[in-house]
Amino acid sequence: MTEPATISPSIIETLYEDALLLADEARVTFDYDDAVGCGAPDEATTRVAISCEALRTTTRMMHAIAWLLNQRAYFAGEITEFQLRRHGRLPPPQPVSDAEQRALLPDYIRDLVDRSVAFYARIERLDRAWRDRFELRPAAVHRLRERLGYAFAAR
């Protein structure tokens, strides 16, 4: 069985570029939608739904970008691994959209939201895999206790 791939500077740089493009697309999309207006029968409710999704999407992307910036700082030697582990945590994902509100969104906004959720999930998987390297597994703790028990019993 091979070792899982580690996070490399090239992976982080590629993801960072993707995050910037997606965040910029979100900014343009939500700015454009505010300027144009919805034209929907229940325009006020639709505007609220779009505003909620704009907030969720931009927050999601800013958390991802902040995580990527911490990774870049680590690879550039600006922060230590300890600092990265301590301060570079990825916040939990944003709450899932309400189905009724989601139905009010135009297709292009739903697509953008879905892509931002998928992007955040990729970042979450990388973060989880990286953090798993530092967590003690219960089996390892039990083996260590057994070894300590044998060492002290042998005296």
N, C-alpha and C. Protein backbone atom coordinates (compact mmCIF):
# COMPACT_ATOMS: atom_id res chain seq x y z
N MET A 1 0.85 -1.18 0.00
CA MET A 1 0.00 0.00 0.00
C MET A 1 0.89 1.23 0.00
N THR A 2 0.60 2.17 -0.85
CA THR A 2 1.42 3.36 -0.94
C THR A 2 0.95 4.41 0.05
N GLU A 3 1.87 5.32 0.38
CA GLU A 3 1.55 6.43 1.26
C GLU A 3 0.68 7.44 0.51
N PRO A 4 -0.27 8.07 1.21
CA PRO A 4 -1.06 9.09 0.52
C PRO A 4 -0.18 10.29 0.17
N ALA A 5 -0.54 10.96 -0.89
CA ALA A 5 0.24 12.12 -1.33
C ALA A 5 0.16 13.21 -0.28
N THR A 6 1.26 13.89 -0.09
CA THR A 6 1.27 15.00 0.85
C THR A 6 0.94 16.29 0.11
N ILE A 7 0.66 17.29 0.88
CA ILE A 7 0.38 18.60 0.28
C ILE A 7 1.70 19.19 -0.17
N SER A 8 1.75 19.63 -1.40
CA SER A 8 2.98 20.20 -1.94
C SER A 8 2.73 21.66 -2.32
N PRO A 9 3.80 22.43 -2.45
CA PRO A 9 3.63 23.83 -2.86
C PRO A 9 2.89 23.97 -4.20
N SER A 10 3.14 23.06 -5.13
CA SER A 10 2.47 23.18 -6.43
C SER A 10 0.97 22.93 -6.31
N ILE A 11 0.57 22.01 -5.45
CA ILE A 11 -0.86 21.76 -5.22
C ILE A 11 -1.50 23.00 -4.61
N ILE A 12 -0.83 23.56 -3.61
CA ILE A 12 -1.36 24.75 -2.93
C ILE A 12 -1.48 25.92 -3.91
N GLU A 13 -0.46 26.12 -4.74
CA GLU A 13 -0.49 27.23 -5.70
C GLU A 13 -1.64 27.06 -6.69
N THR A 14 -1.83 25.85 -7.18
CA THR A 14 -2.92 25.59 -8.13
C THR A 14 -4.27 25.84 -7.48
N LEU A 15 -4.44 25.34 -6.27
CA LEU A 15 -5.70 25.55 -5.56
C LEU A 15 -5.92 27.03 -5.24
N TYR A 16 -4.84 27.72 -4.91
CA TYR A 16 -4.94 29.15 -4.61
C TYR A 16 -5.43 29.93 -5.84
N GLU A 17 -4.86 29.62 -6.99
CA GLU A 17 -5.31 30.27 -8.22
C GLU A 17 -6.78 29.96 -8.51
N ASP A 18 -7.15 28.68 -8.34
CA ASP A 18 -8.55 28.30 -8.54
C ASP A 18 -9.47 29.03 -7.57
N ALA A 19 -9.04 29.17 -6.32
CA ALA A 19 -9.84 29.86 -5.31
C ALA A 19 -10.03 31.32 -5.66
N LEU A 20 -8.96 31.97 -6.12
CA LEU A 20 -9.07 33.37 -6.49
C LEU A 20 -10.03 33.57 -7.66
N LEU A 21 -9.94 32.67 -8.65
CA LEU A 21 -10.85 32.77 -9.80
C LEU A 21 -12.30 32.55 -9.38
N LEU A 22 -12.54 31.55 -8.54
CA LEU A 22 -13.90 31.26 -8.10
C LEU A 22 -14.44 32.38 -7.21
N ALA A 23 -13.61 32.94 -6.34
CA ALA A 23 -14.04 34.05 -5.49
C ALA A 23 -14.35 35.28 -6.33
N ASP A 24 -13.54 35.53 -7.34
CA ASP A 24 -13.79 36.67 -8.22
C ASP A 24 -15.07 36.47 -9.01
N GLU A 25 -15.29 35.25 -9.47
CA GLU A 25 -16.53 34.95 -10.19
C GLU A 25 -17.74 35.17 -9.27
N ALA A 26 -17.62 34.76 -8.02
CA ALA A 26 -18.71 34.97 -7.06
C ALA A 26 -18.96 36.46 -6.85
N ARG A 27 -17.90 37.22 -6.70
CA ARG A 27 -18.04 38.66 -6.50
C ARG A 27 -18.76 39.30 -7.68
N VAL A 28 -18.31 38.98 -8.88
CA VAL A 28 -18.92 39.55 -10.09
C VAL A 28 -20.37 39.09 -10.22
N THR A 29 -20.63 37.83 -9.98
CA THR A 29 -21.98 37.29 -10.12
C THR A 29 -22.94 37.96 -9.16
N PHE A 30 -22.56 38.05 -7.90
CA PHE A 30 -23.48 38.64 -6.92
C PHE A 30 -23.59 40.15 -7.07
N ASP A 31 -22.52 40.82 -7.49
CA ASP A 31 -22.61 42.26 -7.78
C ASP A 31 -23.52 42.51 -8.98
N TYR A 32 -23.37 41.71 -10.01
CA TYR A 32 -24.18 41.86 -11.22
C TYR A 32 -25.65 41.63 -10.90
N ASP A 33 -25.92 40.60 -10.11
CA ASP A 33 -27.30 40.27 -9.80
C ASP A 33 -27.96 41.38 -8.98
N ASP A 34 -27.20 42.02 -8.09
CA ASP A 34 -27.74 43.14 -7.32
C ASP A 34 -28.06 44.32 -8.22
N ALA A 35 -27.21 44.57 -9.21
CA ALA A 35 -27.39 45.73 -10.08
C ALA A 35 -28.55 45.54 -11.05
N VAL A 36 -28.72 44.33 -11.56
CA VAL A 36 -29.72 44.08 -12.60
C VAL A 36 -31.11 43.94 -12.02
N GLY A 37 -31.24 43.27 -10.91
CA GLY A 37 -32.57 43.01 -10.35
C GLY A 37 -33.08 41.67 -10.81
N CYS A 38 -33.94 41.11 -10.04
CA CYS A 38 -34.39 39.74 -10.29
C CYS A 38 -35.50 39.64 -11.32
N GLY A 39 -36.50 40.49 -11.19
CA GLY A 39 -37.63 40.40 -12.09
C GLY A 39 -38.55 39.24 -11.77
N ALA A 40 -38.36 38.59 -10.64
CA ALA A 40 -39.19 37.46 -10.25
C ALA A 40 -40.50 37.96 -9.66
N PRO A 41 -41.54 37.11 -9.66
CA PRO A 41 -42.83 37.53 -9.10
C PRO A 41 -42.69 37.97 -7.63
N ASP A 42 -41.93 37.23 -6.85
CA ASP A 42 -41.70 37.58 -5.45
C ASP A 42 -40.26 38.06 -5.32
N GLU A 43 -40.02 39.24 -5.87
CA GLU A 43 -38.65 39.75 -5.96
C GLU A 43 -37.96 39.90 -4.61
N ALA A 44 -38.69 40.35 -3.59
CA ALA A 44 -38.08 40.56 -2.27
C ALA A 44 -37.56 39.25 -1.68
N THR A 45 -38.35 38.20 -1.78
CA THR A 45 -37.94 36.89 -1.25
C THR A 45 -36.75 36.35 -2.03
N THR A 46 -36.78 36.54 -3.33
CA THR A 46 -35.66 36.09 -4.17
C THR A 46 -34.39 36.85 -3.83
N ARG A 47 -34.50 38.15 -3.61
CA ARG A 47 -33.33 38.96 -3.24
C ARG A 47 -32.75 38.50 -1.90
N VAL A 48 -33.62 38.15 -0.95
CA VAL A 48 -33.14 37.65 0.34
C VAL A 48 -32.40 36.33 0.14
N ALA A 49 -32.96 35.45 -0.67
CA ALA A 49 -32.31 34.16 -0.93
C ALA A 49 -30.95 34.37 -1.59
N ILE A 50 -30.87 35.28 -2.55
CA ILE A 50 -29.60 35.56 -3.23
C ILE A 50 -28.61 36.17 -2.25
N SER A 51 -29.07 37.07 -1.40
CA SER A 51 -28.18 37.68 -0.40
C SER A 51 -27.62 36.65 0.56
N CYS A 52 -28.46 35.73 1.00
CA CYS A 52 -28.00 34.67 1.92
C CYS A 52 -26.95 33.79 1.23
N GLU A 53 -27.21 33.43 0.00
CA GLU A 53 -26.25 32.59 -0.72
C GLU A 53 -24.97 33.35 -1.03
N ALA A 54 -25.09 34.64 -1.29
CA ALA A 54 -23.89 35.46 -1.53
C ALA A 54 -23.03 35.46 -0.28
N LEU A 55 -23.63 35.62 0.87
CA LEU A 55 -22.88 35.64 2.13
C LEU A 55 -22.24 34.27 2.39
N ARG A 56 -23.00 33.21 2.23
CA ARG A 56 -22.46 31.87 2.44
C ARG A 56 -21.30 31.57 1.49
N THR A 57 -21.51 31.89 0.23
CA THR A 57 -20.50 31.58 -0.79
C THR A 57 -19.22 32.38 -0.58
N THR A 58 -19.36 33.67 -0.34
CA THR A 58 -18.15 34.48 -0.15
C THR A 58 -17.43 34.10 1.14
N THR A 59 -18.18 33.80 2.18
CA THR A 59 -17.55 33.36 3.44
C THR A 59 -16.80 32.05 3.22
N ARG A 60 -17.45 31.12 2.53
CA ARG A 60 -16.82 29.83 2.23
C ARG A 60 -15.51 30.03 1.48
N MET A 61 -15.54 30.89 0.48
CA MET A 61 -14.35 31.12 -0.33
C MET A 61 -13.26 31.85 0.45
N MET A 62 -13.63 32.79 1.28
CA MET A 62 -12.63 33.52 2.08
C MET A 62 -11.97 32.59 3.10
N HIS A 63 -12.73 31.66 3.67
CA HIS A 63 -12.13 30.67 4.58
C HIS A 63 -11.14 29.78 3.82
N ALA A 64 -11.52 29.37 2.62
CA ALA A 64 -10.63 28.53 1.82
C ALA A 64 -9.36 29.30 1.44
N ILE A 65 -9.52 30.55 1.05
CA ILE A 65 -8.35 31.36 0.67
C ILE A 65 -7.45 31.60 1.88
N ALA A 66 -8.04 31.86 3.04
CA ALA A 66 -7.23 32.05 4.25
C ALA A 66 -6.43 30.79 4.57
N TRP A 67 -7.05 29.63 4.42
CA TRP A 67 -6.36 28.36 4.67
C TRP A 67 -5.21 28.20 3.68
N LEU A 68 -5.47 28.50 2.43
CA LEU A 68 -4.43 28.39 1.40
C LEU A 68 -3.30 29.38 1.64
N LEU A 69 -3.62 30.57 2.09
CA LEU A 69 -2.57 31.56 2.40
C LEU A 69 -1.70 31.08 3.55
N ASN A 70 -2.30 30.44 4.54
CA ASN A 70 -1.50 29.86 5.64
C ASN A 70 -0.57 28.77 5.11
N GLN A 71 -1.08 27.95 4.22
CA GLN A 71 -0.25 26.90 3.63
C GLN A 71 0.90 27.51 2.83
N ARG A 72 0.60 28.54 2.07
CA ARG A 72 1.65 29.22 1.28
C ARG A 72 2.71 29.81 2.21
N ALA A 73 2.27 30.41 3.31
CA ALA A 73 3.22 31.00 4.27
C ALA A 73 4.10 29.92 4.87
N TYR A 74 3.53 28.76 5.14
CA TYR A 74 4.31 27.64 5.68
C TYR A 74 5.38 27.20 4.67
N PHE A 75 4.96 27.02 3.42
CA PHE A 75 5.92 26.57 2.41
C PHE A 75 6.98 27.62 2.09
N ALA A 76 6.65 28.89 2.31
CA ALA A 76 7.63 29.96 2.10
C ALA A 76 8.53 30.15 3.31
N GLY A 77 8.29 29.41 4.38
CA GLY A 77 9.11 29.51 5.58
C GLY A 77 8.75 30.68 6.47
N GLU A 78 7.60 31.27 6.24
CA GLU A 78 7.18 32.43 7.03
C GLU A 78 6.55 32.03 8.36
N ILE A 79 5.99 30.81 8.44
CA ILE A 79 5.46 30.29 9.69
C ILE A 79 5.95 28.86 9.86
N THR A 80 5.98 28.40 11.10
CA THR A 80 6.44 27.05 11.38
C THR A 80 5.28 26.06 11.25
N GLU A 81 5.63 24.78 11.26
CA GLU A 81 4.59 23.76 11.20
C GLU A 81 3.70 23.84 12.44
N PHE A 82 4.31 24.13 13.59
CA PHE A 82 3.54 24.27 14.83
C PHE A 82 2.53 25.41 14.69
N GLN A 83 2.96 26.55 14.17
CA GLN A 83 2.05 27.68 13.98
C GLN A 83 0.94 27.33 12.99
N LEU A 84 1.29 26.61 11.95
CA LEU A 84 0.29 26.20 10.96
C LEU A 84 -0.75 25.28 11.60
N ARG A 85 -0.27 24.32 12.38
CA ARG A 85 -1.21 23.40 13.04
C ARG A 85 -2.10 24.15 14.02
N ARG A 86 -1.53 25.11 14.71
CA ARG A 86 -2.27 25.81 15.75
C ARG A 86 -3.22 26.87 15.20
N HIS A 87 -2.78 27.63 14.22
CA HIS A 87 -3.57 28.77 13.75
C HIS A 87 -4.13 28.59 12.34
N GLY A 88 -3.77 27.53 11.66
CA GLY A 88 -4.19 27.36 10.28
C GLY A 88 -5.36 26.43 10.10
N ARG A 89 -6.19 26.33 11.11
CA ARG A 89 -7.34 25.43 11.01
C ARG A 89 -8.39 25.96 10.04
N LEU A 90 -9.00 25.04 9.35
CA LEU A 90 -10.09 25.38 8.44
C LEU A 90 -11.39 25.35 9.23
N PRO A 91 -12.16 26.45 9.20
CA PRO A 91 -13.43 26.45 9.93
C PRO A 91 -14.40 25.44 9.35
N PRO A 92 -15.39 25.03 10.13
CA PRO A 92 -16.39 24.11 9.59
C PRO A 92 -17.12 24.74 8.41
N PRO A 93 -17.67 23.92 7.54
CA PRO A 93 -18.36 24.48 6.36
C PRO A 93 -19.60 25.28 6.76
N GLN A 94 -20.03 26.14 5.87
CA GLN A 94 -21.24 26.93 6.08
C GLN A 94 -22.45 26.00 6.10
N PRO A 95 -23.52 26.42 6.79
CA PRO A 95 -24.73 25.60 6.79
C PRO A 95 -25.27 25.39 5.37
N VAL A 96 -25.93 24.29 5.18
CA VAL A 96 -26.54 23.97 3.89
C VAL A 96 -27.70 24.93 3.63
N SER A 97 -27.86 25.28 2.39
CA SER A 97 -28.95 26.19 2.00
C SER A 97 -30.31 25.55 2.24
N ASP A 98 -31.27 26.38 2.57
CA ASP A 98 -32.64 25.94 2.70
C ASP A 98 -33.16 25.58 1.30
N ALA A 99 -33.82 24.45 1.19
CA ALA A 99 -34.28 23.97 -0.12
C ALA A 99 -35.23 24.96 -0.80
N GLU A 100 -36.10 25.59 -0.02
CA GLU A 100 -37.05 26.54 -0.60
C GLU A 100 -36.32 27.78 -1.12
N GLN A 101 -35.34 28.26 -0.34
CA GLN A 101 -34.57 29.42 -0.79
C GLN A 101 -33.73 29.07 -2.01
N ARG A 102 -33.16 27.87 -1.99
CA ARG A 102 -32.32 27.43 -3.11
C ARG A 102 -33.13 27.38 -4.40
N ALA A 103 -34.38 26.97 -4.30
CA ALA A 103 -35.24 26.88 -5.49
C ALA A 103 -35.49 28.25 -6.11
N LEU A 104 -35.37 29.31 -5.31
CA LEU A 104 -35.60 30.67 -5.84
C LEU A 104 -34.41 31.20 -6.64
N LEU A 105 -33.27 30.57 -6.49
CA LEU A 105 -32.05 31.07 -7.13
C LEU A 105 -32.04 30.75 -8.62
N PRO A 106 -31.51 31.65 -9.41
CA PRO A 106 -31.32 31.33 -10.84
C PRO A 106 -30.31 30.18 -10.98
N ASP A 107 -30.38 29.47 -12.08
CA ASP A 107 -29.51 28.31 -12.30
C ASP A 107 -28.02 28.66 -12.22
N TYR A 108 -27.63 29.81 -12.77
CA TYR A 108 -26.20 30.16 -12.77
C TYR A 108 -25.69 30.42 -11.35
N ILE A 109 -26.55 30.89 -10.47
CA ILE A 109 -26.12 31.08 -9.07
C ILE A 109 -26.05 29.74 -8.35
N ARG A 110 -27.03 28.87 -8.60
CA ARG A 110 -26.96 27.52 -7.99
C ARG A 110 -25.70 26.79 -8.42
N ASP A 111 -25.35 26.93 -9.69
CA ASP A 111 -24.12 26.31 -10.20
C ASP A 111 -22.88 26.86 -9.48
N LEU A 112 -22.82 28.17 -9.32
CA LEU A 112 -21.70 28.80 -8.63
C LEU A 112 -21.61 28.33 -7.18
N VAL A 113 -22.74 28.27 -6.50
CA VAL A 113 -22.77 27.81 -5.11
C VAL A 113 -22.30 26.36 -5.03
N ASP A 114 -22.77 25.51 -5.93
CA ASP A 114 -22.36 24.11 -5.93
C ASP A 114 -20.86 23.96 -6.15
N ARG A 115 -20.30 24.78 -7.05
CA ARG A 115 -18.86 24.70 -7.30
C ARG A 115 -18.06 25.19 -6.09
N SER A 116 -18.58 26.20 -5.38
CA SER A 116 -17.87 26.67 -4.19
C SER A 116 -17.94 25.62 -3.07
N VAL A 117 -19.05 24.93 -2.95
CA VAL A 117 -19.18 23.86 -1.95
C VAL A 117 -18.22 22.72 -2.28
N ALA A 118 -18.15 22.34 -3.55
CA ALA A 118 -17.24 21.27 -3.96
C ALA A 118 -15.78 21.68 -3.73
N PHE A 119 -15.45 22.94 -4.01
CA PHE A 119 -14.09 23.41 -3.79
C PHE A 119 -13.74 23.36 -2.31
N TYR A 120 -14.65 23.81 -1.47
CA TYR A 120 -14.41 23.79 -0.02
C TYR A 120 -14.24 22.35 0.47
N ALA A 121 -15.00 21.43 -0.08
CA ALA A 121 -14.88 20.02 0.31
C ALA A 121 -13.49 19.48 -0.04
N ARG A 122 -12.94 19.90 -1.19
CA ARG A 122 -11.57 19.50 -1.55
C ARG A 122 -10.57 20.00 -0.52
N ILE A 123 -10.72 21.26 -0.13
CA ILE A 123 -9.83 21.85 0.86
C ILE A 123 -9.98 21.12 2.19
N GLU A 124 -11.22 20.81 2.56
CA GLU A 124 -11.46 20.06 3.81
C GLU A 124 -10.76 18.71 3.81
N ARG A 125 -10.84 18.00 2.68
CA ARG A 125 -10.18 16.69 2.60
C ARG A 125 -8.66 16.83 2.75
N LEU A 126 -8.08 17.83 2.11
CA LEU A 126 -6.64 18.06 2.25
C LEU A 126 -6.28 18.41 3.69
N ASP A 127 -7.05 19.27 4.31
CA ASP A 127 -6.79 19.67 5.69
C ASP A 127 -6.89 18.47 6.63
N ARG A 128 -7.93 17.68 6.44
CA ARG A 128 -8.14 16.50 7.29
C ARG A 128 -6.99 15.50 7.12
N ALA A 129 -6.58 15.26 5.89
CA ALA A 129 -5.48 14.33 5.63
C ALA A 129 -4.18 14.84 6.25
N TRP A 130 -3.95 16.14 6.14
CA TRP A 130 -2.72 16.72 6.70
C TRP A 130 -2.74 16.63 8.22
N ARG A 131 -3.88 16.93 8.84
CA ARG A 131 -3.99 16.89 10.30
C ARG A 131 -3.95 15.47 10.85
N ASP A 132 -4.41 14.50 10.07
CA ASP A 132 -4.39 13.11 10.52
C ASP A 132 -2.97 12.62 10.79
N ARG A 133 -2.00 13.24 10.16
CA ARG A 133 -0.60 12.84 10.41
C ARG A 133 -0.19 13.11 11.85
N PHE A 134 -0.84 14.06 12.52
CA PHE A 134 -0.41 14.49 13.85
C PHE A 134 -1.24 13.89 14.98
N GLU A 135 -2.35 13.28 14.65
CA GLU A 135 -3.22 12.75 15.69
C GLU A 135 -2.80 11.34 16.04
N LEU A 136 -2.79 11.08 17.35
CA LEU A 136 -2.50 9.73 17.81
C LEU A 136 -3.74 8.87 17.63
N ARG A 137 -3.55 7.72 17.11
CA ARG A 137 -4.64 6.77 16.95
C ARG A 137 -4.76 5.99 18.26
N PRO A 138 -5.98 5.60 18.63
CA PRO A 138 -6.14 4.84 19.88
C PRO A 138 -5.24 3.61 19.95
N ALA A 139 -5.05 2.93 18.83
CA ALA A 139 -4.20 1.73 18.85
C ALA A 139 -2.76 2.11 19.22
N ALA A 140 -2.29 3.21 18.72
CA ALA A 140 -0.93 3.65 19.04
C ALA A 140 -0.82 4.00 20.52
N VAL A 141 -1.83 4.62 21.07
CA VAL A 141 -1.82 4.96 22.50
C VAL A 141 -1.83 3.70 23.33
N HIS A 142 -2.63 2.72 22.95
CA HIS A 142 -2.69 1.46 23.70
C HIS A 142 -1.35 0.72 23.64
N ARG A 143 -0.73 0.70 22.46
CA ARG A 143 0.58 0.04 22.34
C ARG A 143 1.61 0.74 23.22
N LEU A 144 1.58 2.05 23.26
CA LEU A 144 2.51 2.80 24.09
C LEU A 144 2.27 2.48 25.57
N ARG A 145 1.03 2.42 25.99
CA ARG A 145 0.72 2.06 27.39
C ARG A 145 1.20 0.66 27.72
N GLU A 146 1.00 -0.27 26.78
CA GLU A 146 1.46 -1.65 27.00
C GLU A 146 2.98 -1.68 27.16
N ARG A 147 3.68 -0.97 26.28
CA ARG A 147 5.14 -0.95 26.37
C ARG A 147 5.60 -0.34 27.68
N LEU A 148 4.94 0.72 28.11
CA LEU A 148 5.29 1.33 29.40
C LEU A 148 4.99 0.36 30.55
N GLY A 149 3.85 -0.33 30.45
CA GLY A 149 3.49 -1.31 31.49
C GLY A 149 4.53 -2.42 31.56
N TYR A 150 4.95 -2.95 30.42
CA TYR A 150 5.98 -4.01 30.41
C TYR A 150 7.30 -3.49 30.96
N ALA A 151 7.64 -2.26 30.61
CA ALA A 151 8.92 -1.70 31.07
C ALA A 151 8.93 -1.55 32.58
N PHE A 152 7.84 -1.10 33.15
CA PHE A 152 7.79 -0.92 34.60
C PHE A 152 7.59 -2.25 35.33
N ALA A 153 6.93 -3.21 34.70
CA ALA A 153 6.72 -4.52 35.32
C ALA A 153 8.00 -5.30 35.37
N ALA A 154 8.89 -5.06 34.40
CA ALA A 154 10.16 -5.81 34.32
C ALA A 154 11.11 -5.38 35.40
N ARG A 155 10.90 -4.29 36.06
CA ARG A 155 11.83 -3.79 37.08
C ARG A 155 11.70 -4.51 38.35
